[in-house]
Amino acid sequence: MAPIITTHFMKKLLSAIAGLLFAGQAMAQNVENVEVNQFKQYIDTYQQAYILDVRTPSEYAAGKIPGSVNININDPQFQQKIAELDPSRPVLVYCLSGGRSSRAANMLANGGFTAVYNLTGGIRAWSASGQKVEKP
């Protein structure tokens, strides 16, 4: 006989899921999603900022934003590697289209970084707008 899911159980489950969703949003308040022009402006303005590419090494080798460093979000050591960075410096983060960098931006914010900027649309949007892409 299959177990019966009660209304009380469903309410508790939905409440827990909603709590997790809102908690994740609240913890990442210091992440700002920015368009290409603003991302470029931040690169030019924040001389001490990290420009962080979170794509795979092969994607990075195909072309990167000038001045960026690669820390692959899929690397099991990702959390350890970002923990070595200075959390008081701004971080400009991007990936191919914005999904992985959004996850990385939240990880950075939750790790104590105070100014995290995620490139909306990733390097695809960067390239499409005519910004410079270079080979490492």
Protein backbone atom coordinates (compact mmCIF):
# COMPACT_ATOMS: atom_id res chain seq x y z
CA MET A 1 0.00 0.00 0.00
CA ALA A 2 1.42 3.41 -0.98
CA PRO A 3 1.88 5.99 1.81
CA ILE A 4 -0.69 8.76 1.95
CA ILE A 5 0.64 12.32 1.92
CA THR A 6 -1.40 14.43 4.28
CA THR A 7 -2.36 18.05 3.76
CA HIS A 8 -0.43 18.95 6.91
CA PHE A 9 2.72 17.31 5.52
CA MET A 10 2.34 19.11 2.16
CA LYS A 11 1.93 22.50 3.88
CA LYS A 12 5.08 21.88 5.93
CA LEU A 13 7.02 20.78 2.85
CA LEU A 14 5.93 23.79 0.78
CA SER A 15 6.73 26.12 3.67
CA ALA A 16 10.22 24.62 3.98
CA ILE A 17 10.84 24.97 0.24
CA ALA A 18 9.64 28.59 0.24
CA GLY A 19 11.89 29.32 3.22
CA LEU A 20 14.91 27.96 1.39
CA LEU A 21 14.12 30.00 -1.71
CA PHE A 22 13.70 33.24 0.21
CA ALA A 23 16.78 32.53 2.35
CA GLY A 24 18.88 32.08 -0.79
CA GLN A 25 17.68 35.39 -2.15
CA ALA A 26 18.27 37.20 1.13
CA MET A 27 21.80 35.86 1.50
CA ALA A 28 22.82 37.15 -1.93
CA GLN A 29 21.77 40.76 -1.47
CA ASN A 30 25.26 42.02 -2.31
CA VAL A 31 25.12 40.48 -5.83
CA GLU A 32 24.23 42.84 -8.64
CA ASN A 33 23.39 41.55 -12.12
CA VAL A 34 24.76 44.05 -14.63
CA GLU A 35 24.62 44.52 -18.38
CA VAL A 36 27.73 44.67 -20.59
CA ASN A 37 28.18 48.46 -20.51
CA GLN A 38 28.07 48.62 -16.72
CA PHE A 39 30.33 45.55 -16.38
CA LYS A 40 32.88 47.29 -18.66
CA GLN A 41 32.55 50.47 -16.61
CA TYR A 42 33.24 48.52 -13.41
CA ILE A 43 36.32 46.92 -15.01
CA ASP A 44 37.60 50.40 -15.85
CA THR A 45 36.65 51.88 -12.45
CA TYR A 46 37.61 49.17 -9.96
CA GLN A 47 41.35 48.74 -10.53
CA GLN A 48 41.62 46.21 -7.68
CA ALA A 49 38.62 44.11 -8.77
CA TYR A 50 38.89 40.45 -9.57
CA ILE A 51 37.53 39.61 -13.03
CA LEU A 52 36.52 36.02 -12.58
CA ASP A 53 35.67 33.63 -15.43
CA VAL A 54 33.96 30.54 -13.99
CA ARG A 55 33.81 28.52 -17.23
CA THR A 56 35.76 25.35 -17.94
CA PRO A 57 39.43 25.68 -18.90
CA SER A 58 38.65 24.72 -22.52
CA GLU A 59 35.96 27.43 -22.75
CA TYR A 60 38.37 29.93 -21.21
CA ALA A 61 41.07 28.96 -23.75
CA ALA A 62 38.66 29.77 -26.60
CA GLY A 63 38.49 33.42 -25.50
CA LYS A 64 38.25 35.52 -22.35
CA ILE A 65 37.57 39.03 -21.16
CA PRO A 66 40.93 40.84 -20.86
CA GLY A 67 42.31 40.77 -17.33
CA SER A 68 40.19 37.84 -16.20
CA VAL A 69 41.33 34.75 -14.33
CA ASN A 70 39.73 31.33 -14.62
CA ILE A 71 38.36 29.43 -11.65
CA ASN A 72 36.09 26.70 -12.98
CA ILE A 73 32.86 26.49 -10.94
CA ASN A 74 32.69 22.75 -11.75
CA ASP A 75 36.07 22.14 -10.11
CA PRO A 76 35.64 20.31 -6.78
CA GLN A 77 38.16 22.80 -5.35
CA PHE A 78 36.10 25.86 -6.40
CA GLN A 79 35.07 26.85 -2.85
CA GLN A 80 38.65 26.53 -1.62
CA LYS A 81 40.00 28.59 -4.49
CA ILE A 82 37.57 31.47 -4.00
CA ALA A 83 38.25 31.37 -0.25
CA GLU A 84 41.84 32.37 -1.09
CA LEU A 85 40.65 35.65 -2.63
CA ASP A 86 40.35 38.90 -0.67
CA PRO A 87 36.61 39.35 0.10
CA SER A 88 36.98 43.12 0.49
CA ARG A 89 37.83 43.51 -3.22
CA PRO A 90 35.02 43.74 -5.80
CA VAL A 91 34.44 40.65 -7.95
CA LEU A 92 33.22 40.85 -11.54
CA VAL A 93 32.08 37.36 -12.50
CA TYR A 94 31.00 35.87 -15.82
CA CYS A 95 30.53 32.60 -17.68
CA LEU A 96 29.20 31.71 -21.13
CA SER A 97 25.65 33.00 -20.76
CA GLY A 98 25.08 33.91 -17.09
CA GLY A 99 23.84 30.73 -15.38
CA ARG A 100 27.05 29.43 -13.83
CA SER A 101 28.26 32.92 -12.97
CA SER A 102 24.98 33.58 -11.17
CA ARG A 103 25.59 30.49 -9.00
CA ALA A 104 29.20 31.55 -8.45
CA ALA A 105 28.14 35.09 -7.55
CA ASN A 106 25.81 33.75 -4.87
CA MET A 107 28.60 31.52 -3.52
CA LEU A 108 30.93 34.51 -3.39
CA ALA A 109 28.33 36.64 -1.62
CA ASN A 110 27.58 33.88 0.85
CA GLY A 111 31.34 33.55 1.40
CA GLY A 112 31.62 37.12 2.64
CA PHE A 113 32.40 39.06 -0.53
CA THR A 114 30.83 42.49 -0.21
CA ALA A 115 30.65 43.62 -3.86
CA VAL A 116 29.84 40.99 -6.48
CA TYR A 117 28.79 41.87 -10.03
CA ASN A 118 27.44 39.20 -12.37
CA LEU A 119 27.56 39.80 -16.14
CA THR A 120 24.05 39.27 -17.51
CA GLY A 121 24.29 37.18 -20.67
CA GLY A 122 27.92 36.21 -20.00
CA ILE A 123 30.71 36.39 -22.53
CA ARG A 124 28.16 35.82 -25.31
CA ALA A 125 26.57 39.19 -24.53
CA TRP A 126 30.04 40.73 -24.09
CA SER A 127 31.15 39.54 -27.55
CA ALA A 128 27.84 40.44 -29.21
CA SER A 129 28.21 44.02 -27.99
CA GLY A 130 31.60 44.33 -29.71
CA GLN A 131 33.75 44.25 -26.56
CA LYS A 132 37.25 42.83 -26.80
CA VAL A 133 37.80 39.10 -26.26
CA GLU A 134 41.34 37.74 -26.10
CA LYS A 135 43.04 34.35 -26.09
CA PRO A 136 44.83 33.48 -22.83
